[in-house]
Amino acid sequence: MSAKAERMHLRVDAEQKALLEAASDATGESVSTFVLKAATEAAADVLADRRAFLLDEGAWRVFDEALARPVQDVAGLRELLTTPTVLDEPDEVHR
């Protein structure tokens, strides 16, 4: 990682500051490290589905044709996606 030369300033209210300090204490990180890490991850998530894909005409045609094809039934996938998991159970079961 390169040396940090840029600086950002932000204002927070007392409640936000207390929350950030508590969370950083819980993770064992400084507030700056915690906030930078959380903000960077959030920014990457926001941008993840907004990437530009540049294709030449031939590649675009292949891509467009693939999107137009009917969905294929993959053995076991429907069951996997519709079967309840431990995460679907009420919280009382896990306590």
C-alpha atoms as a PDB file:
ATOM      1  CA  MET A   1       0.000   0.000   0.000  1.00  0.00           C
ATOM      2  CA  SER A   2       1.340   3.446  -0.849  1.00  0.00           C
ATOM      3  CA  ALA A   3       2.028   6.135   1.721  1.00  0.00           C
ATOM      4  CA  LYS A   4      -1.008   8.180   2.603  1.00  0.00           C
ATOM      5  CA  ALA A   5      -0.596  11.756   1.447  1.00  0.00           C
ATOM      6  CA  GLU A   6      -4.218  12.857   1.198  1.00  0.00           C
ATOM      7  CA  ARG A   7      -6.390  13.989   4.070  1.00  0.00           C
ATOM      8  CA  MET A   8     -10.165  14.059   4.514  1.00  0.00           C
ATOM      9  CA  HIS A   9     -12.084  15.875   7.219  1.00  0.00           C
ATOM     10  CA  LEU A  10     -15.591  15.074   8.361  1.00  0.00           C
ATOM     11  CA  ARG A  11     -17.930  16.343  10.983  1.00  0.00           C
ATOM     12  CA  VAL A  12     -19.950  13.994  13.139  1.00  0.00           C
ATOM     13  CA  ASP A  13     -22.390  14.492  15.967  1.00  0.00           C
ATOM     14  CA  ALA A  14     -21.721  13.118  19.440  1.00  0.00           C
ATOM     15  CA  GLU A  15     -23.830   9.996  18.856  1.00  0.00           C
ATOM     16  CA  GLN A  16     -22.039   9.133  15.604  1.00  0.00           C
ATOM     17  CA  LYS A  17     -18.652   9.701  17.220  1.00  0.00           C
ATOM     18  CA  ALA A  18     -19.529   7.451  20.165  1.00  0.00           C
ATOM     19  CA  LEU A  19     -20.762   4.722  17.790  1.00  0.00           C
ATOM     20  CA  LEU A  20     -17.611   4.875  15.667  1.00  0.00           C
ATOM     21  CA  GLU A  21     -15.379   4.834  18.747  1.00  0.00           C
ATOM     22  CA  ALA A  22     -17.242   1.843  20.221  1.00  0.00           C
ATOM     23  CA  ALA A  23     -17.030  -0.073  16.953  1.00  0.00           C
ATOM     24  CA  SER A  24     -13.341   0.704  16.512  1.00  0.00           C
ATOM     25  CA  ASP A  25     -12.669  -0.397  20.103  1.00  0.00           C
ATOM     26  CA  ALA A  26     -14.561  -3.639  19.432  1.00  0.00           C
ATOM     27  CA  THR A  27     -12.367  -4.390  16.421  1.00  0.00           C
ATOM     28  CA  GLY A  28      -9.140  -3.263  18.057  1.00  0.00           C
ATOM     29  CA  GLU A  29      -8.548  -0.642  15.368  1.00  0.00           C
ATOM     30  CA  SER A  30      -8.087   3.092  15.600  1.00  0.00           C
ATOM     31  CA  VAL A  31     -11.127   5.170  14.678  1.00  0.00           C
ATOM     32  CA  SER A  32      -9.319   6.371  11.548  1.00  0.00           C
ATOM     33  CA  THR A  33      -8.487   2.831  10.444  1.00  0.00           C
ATOM     34  CA  PHE A  34     -12.006   1.594  11.195  1.00  0.00           C
ATOM     35  CA  VAL A  35     -13.712   4.465   9.337  1.00  0.00           C
ATOM     36  CA  LEU A  36     -11.361   4.272   6.353  1.00  0.00           C
ATOM     37  CA  LYS A  37     -11.798   0.502   6.056  1.00  0.00           C
ATOM     38  CA  ALA A  38     -15.605   0.676   6.372  1.00  0.00           C
ATOM     39  CA  ALA A  39     -15.904   3.600   3.944  1.00  0.00           C
ATOM     40  CA  THR A  40     -13.606   1.954   1.396  1.00  0.00           C
ATOM     41  CA  GLU A  41     -15.581  -1.316   1.520  1.00  0.00           C
ATOM     42  CA  ALA A  42     -18.877   0.583   1.166  1.00  0.00           C
ATOM     43  CA  ALA A  43     -17.536   2.558  -1.797  1.00  0.00           C
ATOM     44  CA  ALA A  44     -16.348  -0.628  -3.524  1.00  0.00           C
ATOM     45  CA  ASP A  45     -19.793  -2.208  -2.990  1.00  0.00           C
ATOM     46  CA  VAL A  46     -21.575   0.816  -4.457  1.00  0.00           C
ATOM     47  CA  LEU A  47     -19.358   0.812  -7.535  1.00  0.00           C
ATOM     48  CA  ALA A  48     -19.246  -2.965  -8.023  1.00  0.00           C
ATOM     49  CA  ASP A  49     -22.357  -3.126 -10.177  1.00  0.00           C
ATOM     50  CA  ARG A  50     -21.636   0.089 -12.058  1.00  0.00           C
ATOM     51  CA  ARG A  51     -18.585  -0.998 -13.994  1.00  0.00           C
ATOM     52  CA  ALA A  52     -18.345  -0.154 -17.665  1.00  0.00           C
ATOM     53  CA  PHE A  53     -17.848  -3.041 -20.055  1.00  0.00           C
ATOM     54  CA  LEU A  54     -16.360  -2.064 -23.388  1.00  0.00           C
ATOM     55  CA  LEU A  55     -16.902  -4.580 -26.173  1.00  0.00           C
ATOM     56  CA  ASP A  56     -16.231  -4.451 -29.883  1.00  0.00           C
ATOM     57  CA  GLU A  57     -19.186  -5.121 -32.183  1.00  0.00           C
ATOM     58  CA  GLY A  58     -18.539  -8.873 -32.454  1.00  0.00           C
ATOM     59  CA  ALA A  59     -18.117  -9.374 -28.719  1.00  0.00           C
ATOM     60  CA  TRP A  60     -21.239  -7.296 -28.058  1.00  0.00           C
ATOM     61  CA  ARG A  61     -23.245  -9.488 -30.458  1.00  0.00           C
ATOM     62  CA  VAL A  62     -22.087 -12.665 -28.653  1.00  0.00           C
ATOM     63  CA  PHE A  63     -22.883 -11.107 -25.261  1.00  0.00           C
ATOM     64  CA  ASP A  64     -26.307  -9.888 -26.408  1.00  0.00           C
ATOM     65  CA  GLU A  65     -27.165 -13.319 -27.848  1.00  0.00           C
ATOM     66  CA  ALA A  66     -26.180 -14.984 -24.561  1.00  0.00           C
ATOM     67  CA  LEU A  67     -28.499 -12.641 -22.658  1.00  0.00           C
ATOM     68  CA  ALA A  68     -31.358 -13.419 -25.056  1.00  0.00           C
ATOM     69  CA  ARG A  69     -31.080 -17.208 -24.639  1.00  0.00           C
ATOM     70  CA  PRO A  70     -33.592 -18.896 -22.324  1.00  0.00           C
ATOM     71  CA  VAL A  71     -32.349 -19.758 -18.857  1.00  0.00           C
ATOM     72  CA  GLN A  72     -31.089 -23.316 -18.566  1.00  0.00           C
ATOM     73  CA  ASP A  73     -32.315 -25.518 -15.741  1.00  0.00           C
ATOM     74  CA  VAL A  74     -29.294 -26.554 -13.681  1.00  0.00           C
ATOM     75  CA  ALA A  75     -29.797 -29.781 -11.749  1.00  0.00           C
ATOM     76  CA  GLY A  76     -30.306 -29.088  -8.047  1.00  0.00           C
ATOM     77  CA  LEU A  77     -30.098 -25.294  -8.334  1.00  0.00           C
ATOM     78  CA  ARG A  78     -33.825 -24.641  -7.890  1.00  0.00           C
ATOM     79  CA  GLU A  79     -33.874 -26.858  -4.775  1.00  0.00           C
ATOM     80  CA  LEU A  80     -30.756 -25.191  -3.401  1.00  0.00           C
ATOM     81  CA  LEU A  81     -32.243 -21.721  -3.794  1.00  0.00           C
ATOM     82  CA  THR A  82     -35.677 -22.621  -2.372  1.00  0.00           C
ATOM     83  CA  THR A  83     -34.766 -24.922   0.528  1.00  0.00           C
ATOM     84  CA  PRO A  84     -34.795 -23.105   3.898  1.00  0.00           C
ATOM     85  CA  THR A  85     -31.426 -22.824   5.619  1.00  0.00           C
ATOM     86  CA  VAL A  86     -30.347 -22.316   9.218  1.00  0.00           C
ATOM     87  CA  LEU A  87     -30.451 -18.582   8.491  1.00  0.00           C
ATOM     88  CA  ASP A  88     -34.196 -18.816   7.823  1.00  0.00           C
ATOM     89  CA  GLU A  89     -34.934 -20.269  11.283  1.00  0.00           C
ATOM     90  CA  PRO A  90     -36.160 -18.020  14.120  1.00  0.00           C
ATOM     91  CA  ASP A  91     -33.429 -16.475  16.300  1.00  0.00           C
ATOM     92  CA  GLU A  92     -34.575 -18.419  19.396  1.00  0.00           C
ATOM     93  CA  VAL A  93     -33.262 -21.646  17.859  1.00  0.00           C
ATOM     94  CA  HIS A  94     -29.677 -20.274  17.852  1.00  0.00           C
ATOM     95  CA  ARG A  95     -29.576 -19.069  21.430  1.00  0.00           C
END
